[in-house]
Amino acid sequence: MKKFAELEIIQTLSWAKLFSVLLGFLTIYTSILWAISTRVSDNRADYVNMRYHELQSLENKIKELEEQNQALREQLPNENGEATTKISNSSEQPEIAQGGTFIDPKTNLIVSVSYVRSGYIVAVVTLPNGEQISKNISLGQDIKFENGNKKYQMIITSTDPKEGITKLLIREIK
């Protein structure tokens, strides 16, 4: 058996051959590392996307449960033992698109929505008496106002920033 140094390939080895063999190994090593790192980053991106979709579905579930909670609260008896009833129909929740305006014919309330964000809107609310309120209004936040001798409440019930739409509820309060 020949020693390593006595092999023909080692005897004829030149710097150019050595360099080309090393370059080949380096290319293979780099390709393997690139494939592994790409695979890992793709897995991380998939994980982040999965979590993002989970968060969106949880936010939608929270909004739905908040609306159910509000509806159930209104059905509870008040201090006098009588249940409160809505005068306005709760299924009538007007949708306002970003950049749009809603005028309530019953109360003469005007709501102009500048921006719809997740959980709040930026709007200018003109009350029936002409007073203007320009502010960020969060989900569930209300604005109370009077029209004639009746008191009303406007509540932002949902925001959909993807579609640029918000819903609100206007109801008479006692």
C-alpha atoms as a PDB file:
ATOM      1  CA  MET A   1       0.000   0.000   0.000  1.00  0.00           C
ATOM      2  CA  LYS A   2       1.311   3.419  -0.996  1.00  0.00           C
ATOM      3  CA  LYS A   3       1.637   6.293   1.380  1.00  0.00           C
ATOM      4  CA  PHE A   4      -0.537   9.358   0.847  1.00  0.00           C
ATOM      5  CA  ALA A   5       2.401  11.446  -0.413  1.00  0.00           C
ATOM      6  CA  GLU A   6       3.282   8.759  -2.962  1.00  0.00           C
ATOM      7  CA  LEU A   7      -0.113   8.820  -4.739  1.00  0.00           C
ATOM      8  CA  GLU A   8       0.001   9.978  -8.369  1.00  0.00           C
ATOM      9  CA  ILE A   9      -2.637  12.676  -7.865  1.00  0.00           C
ATOM     10  CA  ILE A  10      -0.626  14.177  -5.014  1.00  0.00           C
ATOM     11  CA  GLN A  11       2.610  13.989  -7.029  1.00  0.00           C
ATOM     12  CA  THR A  12       1.032  15.919  -9.941  1.00  0.00           C
ATOM     13  CA  LEU A  13      -0.840  18.397  -7.729  1.00  0.00           C
ATOM     14  CA  SER A  14      -0.138  22.011  -8.617  1.00  0.00           C
ATOM     15  CA  TRP A  15      -1.278  25.207  -6.968  1.00  0.00           C
ATOM     16  CA  ALA A  16      -3.823  25.777  -9.733  1.00  0.00           C
ATOM     17  CA  LYS A  17      -5.390  22.346  -9.194  1.00  0.00           C
ATOM     18  CA  LEU A  18      -5.375  22.829  -5.415  1.00  0.00           C
ATOM     19  CA  PHE A  19      -7.019  26.227  -5.790  1.00  0.00           C
ATOM     20  CA  SER A  20      -9.726  24.898  -8.151  1.00  0.00           C
ATOM     21  CA  VAL A  21     -10.533  21.970  -5.816  1.00  0.00           C
ATOM     22  CA  LEU A  22     -10.758  24.305  -2.811  1.00  0.00           C
ATOM     23  CA  LEU A  23     -12.934  26.708  -4.807  1.00  0.00           C
ATOM     24  CA  GLY A  24     -15.254  23.825  -5.697  1.00  0.00           C
ATOM     25  CA  PHE A  25     -15.574  22.807  -2.041  1.00  0.00           C
ATOM     26  CA  LEU A  26     -16.184  26.432  -1.035  1.00  0.00           C
ATOM     27  CA  THR A  27     -18.936  26.746  -3.665  1.00  0.00           C
ATOM     28  CA  ILE A  28     -20.655  23.594  -2.431  1.00  0.00           C
ATOM     29  CA  TYR A  29     -20.354  24.749   1.208  1.00  0.00           C
ATOM     30  CA  THR A  30     -21.827  28.181   0.342  1.00  0.00           C
ATOM     31  CA  SER A  31     -24.707  26.588  -1.574  1.00  0.00           C
ATOM     32  CA  ILE A  32     -25.558  24.340   1.366  1.00  0.00           C
ATOM     33  CA  LEU A  33     -25.479  27.267   3.814  1.00  0.00           C
ATOM     34  CA  TRP A  34     -27.635  29.364   1.476  1.00  0.00           C
ATOM     35  CA  ALA A  35     -30.216  26.586   1.157  1.00  0.00           C
ATOM     36  CA  ILE A  36     -30.384  26.103   4.930  1.00  0.00           C
ATOM     37  CA  SER A  37     -30.667  29.827   5.709  1.00  0.00           C
ATOM     38  CA  THR A  38     -33.355  30.326   3.053  1.00  0.00           C
ATOM     39  CA  ARG A  39     -35.323  27.406   4.471  1.00  0.00           C
ATOM     40  CA  VAL A  40     -35.087  28.824   8.009  1.00  0.00           C
ATOM     41  CA  SER A  41     -36.138  32.341   6.938  1.00  0.00           C
ATOM     42  CA  ASP A  42     -39.102  30.940   4.965  1.00  0.00           C
ATOM     43  CA  ASN A  43     -40.219  29.017   8.047  1.00  0.00           C
ATOM     44  CA  ARG A  44     -39.975  32.169  10.161  1.00  0.00           C
ATOM     45  CA  ALA A  45     -41.981  34.175   7.625  1.00  0.00           C
ATOM     46  CA  ASP A  46     -44.665  31.475   7.574  1.00  0.00           C
ATOM     47  CA  TYR A  47     -44.745  31.535  11.383  1.00  0.00           C
ATOM     48  CA  VAL A  48     -45.130  35.327  11.476  1.00  0.00           C
ATOM     49  CA  ASN A  49     -47.917  35.207   8.861  1.00  0.00           C
ATOM     50  CA  MET A  50     -49.695  32.478  10.818  1.00  0.00           C
ATOM     51  CA  ARG A  51     -49.526  34.541  14.020  1.00  0.00           C
ATOM     52  CA  TYR A  52     -50.738  37.662  12.182  1.00  0.00           C
ATOM     53  CA  HIS A  53     -53.819  35.827  10.911  1.00  0.00           C
ATOM     54  CA  GLU A  54     -54.461  34.435  14.399  1.00  0.00           C
ATOM     55  CA  LEU A  55     -54.326  37.964  15.822  1.00  0.00           C
ATOM     56  CA  GLN A  56     -56.765  39.246  13.213  1.00  0.00           C
ATOM     57  CA  SER A  57     -59.232  36.465  13.957  1.00  0.00           C
ATOM     58  CA  LEU A  58     -58.893  37.144  17.698  1.00  0.00           C
ATOM     59  CA  GLU A  59     -59.515  40.869  17.142  1.00  0.00           C
ATOM     60  CA  ASN A  60     -62.657  40.053  15.164  1.00  0.00           C
ATOM     61  CA  LYS A  61     -63.809  37.695  17.920  1.00  0.00           C
ATOM     62  CA  ILE A  62     -63.181  40.402  20.557  1.00  0.00           C
ATOM     63  CA  LYS A  63     -65.246  42.919  18.574  1.00  0.00           C
ATOM     64  CA  GLU A  64     -68.062  40.419  18.206  1.00  0.00           C
ATOM     65  CA  LEU A  65     -68.016  39.603  21.931  1.00  0.00           C
ATOM     66  CA  GLU A  66     -67.928  43.307  22.873  1.00  0.00           C
ATOM     67  CA  GLU A  67     -71.029  43.918  20.771  1.00  0.00           C
ATOM     68  CA  GLN A  68     -72.768  40.930  22.369  1.00  0.00           C
ATOM     69  CA  ASN A  69     -71.739  42.195  25.806  1.00  0.00           C
ATOM     70  CA  GLN A  70     -73.178  45.636  25.063  1.00  0.00           C
ATOM     71  CA  ALA A  71     -76.436  44.105  23.847  1.00  0.00           C
ATOM     72  CA  LEU A  72     -76.715  41.964  26.983  1.00  0.00           C
ATOM     73  CA  ARG A  73     -75.952  44.957  29.247  1.00  0.00           C
ATOM     74  CA  GLU A  74     -78.817  46.857  27.684  1.00  0.00           C
ATOM     75  CA  GLN A  75     -81.164  43.979  28.457  1.00  0.00           C
ATOM     76  CA  LEU A  76     -80.217  43.954  32.154  1.00  0.00           C
ATOM     77  CA  PRO A  77     -82.649  45.661  34.544  1.00  0.00           C
ATOM     78  CA  ASN A  78     -81.707  49.167  35.642  1.00  0.00           C
ATOM     79  CA  GLU A  79     -81.879  50.448  39.251  1.00  0.00           C
ATOM     80  CA  ASN A  80     -85.690  50.638  39.131  1.00  0.00           C
ATOM     81  CA  GLY A  81     -85.944  46.989  38.132  1.00  0.00           C
ATOM     82  CA  GLU A  82     -87.184  47.646  34.612  1.00  0.00           C
ATOM     83  CA  ALA A  83     -85.263  46.603  31.542  1.00  0.00           C
ATOM     84  CA  THR A  84     -83.983  49.341  29.294  1.00  0.00           C
ATOM     85  CA  THR A  85     -85.159  49.198  25.729  1.00  0.00           C
ATOM     86  CA  LYS A  86     -83.612  50.684  22.670  1.00  0.00           C
ATOM     87  CA  ILE A  87     -85.722  53.121  20.783  1.00  0.00           C
ATOM     88  CA  SER A  88     -83.612  52.898  17.659  1.00  0.00           C
ATOM     89  CA  ASN A  89     -83.280  49.593  15.867  1.00  0.00           C
ATOM     90  CA  SER A  90     -79.868  48.083  16.681  1.00  0.00           C
ATOM     91  CA  SER A  91     -79.660  46.377  13.307  1.00  0.00           C
ATOM     92  CA  GLU A  92     -79.519  49.822  11.715  1.00  0.00           C
ATOM     93  CA  GLN A  93     -75.842  50.536  12.110  1.00  0.00           C
ATOM     94  CA  PRO A  94     -74.845  52.804   9.268  1.00  0.00           C
ATOM     95  CA  GLU A  95     -71.528  52.127   7.573  1.00  0.00           C
ATOM     96  CA  ILE A  96     -69.327  55.097   6.806  1.00  0.00           C
ATOM     97  CA  ALA A  97     -66.432  54.755   4.391  1.00  0.00           C
ATOM     98  CA  GLN A  98     -63.144  56.517   5.007  1.00  0.00           C
ATOM     99  CA  GLY A  99     -63.496  59.995   3.526  1.00  0.00           C
ATOM    100  CA  GLY A 100     -67.292  59.741   3.697  1.00  0.00           C
ATOM    101  CA  THR A 101     -70.015  61.493   5.668  1.00  0.00           C
ATOM    102  CA  PHE A 102     -73.151  60.200   7.374  1.00  0.00           C
ATOM    103  CA  ILE A 103     -76.109  62.425   8.260  1.00  0.00           C
ATOM    104  CA  ASP A 104     -78.627  60.938  10.683  1.00  0.00           C
ATOM    105  CA  PRO A 105     -82.075  62.116   9.513  1.00  0.00           C
ATOM    106  CA  LYS A 106     -83.644  61.622  12.953  1.00  0.00           C
ATOM    107  CA  THR A 107     -81.135  63.598  15.025  1.00  0.00           C
ATOM    108  CA  ASN A 108     -79.368  65.760  12.403  1.00  0.00           C
ATOM    109  CA  LEU A 109     -76.022  64.429  13.660  1.00  0.00           C
ATOM    110  CA  ILE A 110     -73.263  64.624  11.020  1.00  0.00           C
ATOM    111  CA  VAL A 111     -70.249  62.301  11.163  1.00  0.00           C
ATOM    112  CA  SER A 112     -67.404  62.837   8.666  1.00  0.00           C
ATOM    113  CA  VAL A 113     -64.731  60.121   8.811  1.00  0.00           C
ATOM    114  CA  SER A 114     -61.195  61.112   7.785  1.00  0.00           C
ATOM    115  CA  TYR A 115     -59.360  57.894   8.647  1.00  0.00           C
ATOM    116  CA  VAL A 116     -60.358  54.394   9.749  1.00  0.00           C
ATOM    117  CA  ARG A 117     -57.734  52.631  11.844  1.00  0.00           C
ATOM    118  CA  SER A 118     -57.744  49.409  13.840  1.00  0.00           C
ATOM    119  CA  GLY A 119     -59.746  50.195  16.961  1.00  0.00           C
ATOM    120  CA  TYR A 120     -60.435  53.873  16.299  1.00  0.00           C
ATOM    121  CA  ILE A 121     -61.421  56.463  13.726  1.00  0.00           C
ATOM    122  CA  VAL A 122     -60.424  60.059  13.103  1.00  0.00           C
ATOM    123  CA  ALA A 123     -63.610  62.027  12.537  1.00  0.00           C
ATOM    124  CA  VAL A 124     -65.347  65.369  12.718  1.00  0.00           C
ATOM    125  CA  VAL A 125     -68.715  65.102  14.467  1.00  0.00           C
ATOM    126  CA  THR A 126     -71.152  67.983  14.031  1.00  0.00           C
ATOM    127  CA  LEU A 127     -73.795  67.938  16.748  1.00  0.00           C
ATOM    128  CA  PRO A 128     -77.378  69.072  16.057  1.00  0.00           C
ATOM    129  CA  ASN A 129     -76.664  72.391  17.842  1.00  0.00           C
ATOM    130  CA  GLY A 130     -73.825  73.118  15.360  1.00  0.00           C
ATOM    131  CA  GLU A 131     -70.942  72.346  17.715  1.00  0.00           C
ATOM    132  CA  GLN A 132     -68.115  70.505  15.950  1.00  0.00           C
ATOM    133  CA  ILE A 133     -65.946  67.894  17.624  1.00  0.00           C
ATOM    134  CA  SER A 134     -62.777  66.799  15.814  1.00  0.00           C
ATOM    135  CA  LYS A 135     -61.066  63.864  17.489  1.00  0.00           C
ATOM    136  CA  ASN A 136     -59.929  60.251  17.515  1.00  0.00           C
ATOM    137  CA  ILE A 137     -62.888  58.113  18.590  1.00  0.00           C
ATOM    138  CA  SER A 138     -62.098  54.625  19.912  1.00  0.00           C
ATOM    139  CA  LEU A 139     -64.295  51.551  19.603  1.00  0.00           C
ATOM    140  CA  GLY A 140     -66.987  51.635  22.263  1.00  0.00           C
ATOM    141  CA  GLN A 141     -66.379  55.307  23.037  1.00  0.00           C
ATOM    142  CA  ASP A 142     -69.545  57.347  22.990  1.00  0.00           C
ATOM    143  CA  ILE A 143     -70.516  60.929  22.292  1.00  0.00           C
ATOM    144  CA  LYS A 144     -73.637  62.144  24.066  1.00  0.00           C
ATOM    145  CA  PHE A 145     -75.711  64.966  22.628  1.00  0.00           C
ATOM    146  CA  GLU A 146     -79.179  66.472  22.725  1.00  0.00           C
ATOM    147  CA  ASN A 147     -81.650  67.205  19.976  1.00  0.00           C
ATOM    148  CA  GLY A 148     -84.725  69.059  21.137  1.00  0.00           C
ATOM    149  CA  ASN A 149     -85.651  67.673  24.545  1.00  0.00           C
ATOM    150  CA  LYS A 150     -84.266  64.179  23.831  1.00  0.00           C
ATOM    151  CA  LYS A 151     -80.818  62.847  24.691  1.00  0.00           C
ATOM    152  CA  TYR A 152     -78.886  60.626  22.311  1.00  0.00           C
ATOM    153  CA  GLN A 153     -75.709  58.618  22.320  1.00  0.00           C
ATOM    154  CA  MET A 154     -73.457  57.809  19.347  1.00  0.00           C
ATOM    155  CA  ILE A 155     -71.167  54.771  19.730  1.00  0.00           C
ATOM    156  CA  ILE A 156     -68.510  53.491  17.331  1.00  0.00           C
ATOM    157  CA  THR A 157     -69.268  49.752  17.106  1.00  0.00           C
ATOM    158  CA  SER A 158     -66.670  48.520  14.603  1.00  0.00           C
ATOM    159  CA  THR A 159     -63.783  49.582  12.415  1.00  0.00           C
ATOM    160  CA  ASP A 160     -62.389  47.779   9.393  1.00  0.00           C
ATOM    161  CA  PRO A 161     -59.159  49.496   8.322  1.00  0.00           C
ATOM    162  CA  LYS A 162     -58.612  47.036   5.478  1.00  0.00           C
ATOM    163  CA  GLU A 163     -61.919  48.051   3.845  1.00  0.00           C
ATOM    164  CA  GLY A 164     -61.830  51.613   5.239  1.00  0.00           C
ATOM    165  CA  ILE A 165     -65.285  51.244   6.814  1.00  0.00           C
ATOM    166  CA  THR A 166     -66.633  52.012  10.275  1.00  0.00           C
ATOM    167  CA  LYS A 167     -70.033  51.320  11.819  1.00  0.00           C
ATOM    168  CA  LEU A 168     -71.782  53.389  14.432  1.00  0.00           C
ATOM    169  CA  LEU A 169     -74.904  53.192  16.531  1.00  0.00           C
ATOM    170  CA  ILE A 170     -77.091  56.188  17.408  1.00  0.00           C
ATOM    171  CA  ARG A 171     -79.648  55.601  20.123  1.00  0.00           C
ATOM    172  CA  GLU A 172     -81.901  57.573  22.409  1.00  0.00           C
ATOM    173  CA  ILE A 173     -81.016  57.434  26.104  1.00  0.00           C
ATOM    174  CA  LYS A 174     -83.072  58.243  29.157  1.00  0.00           C
END
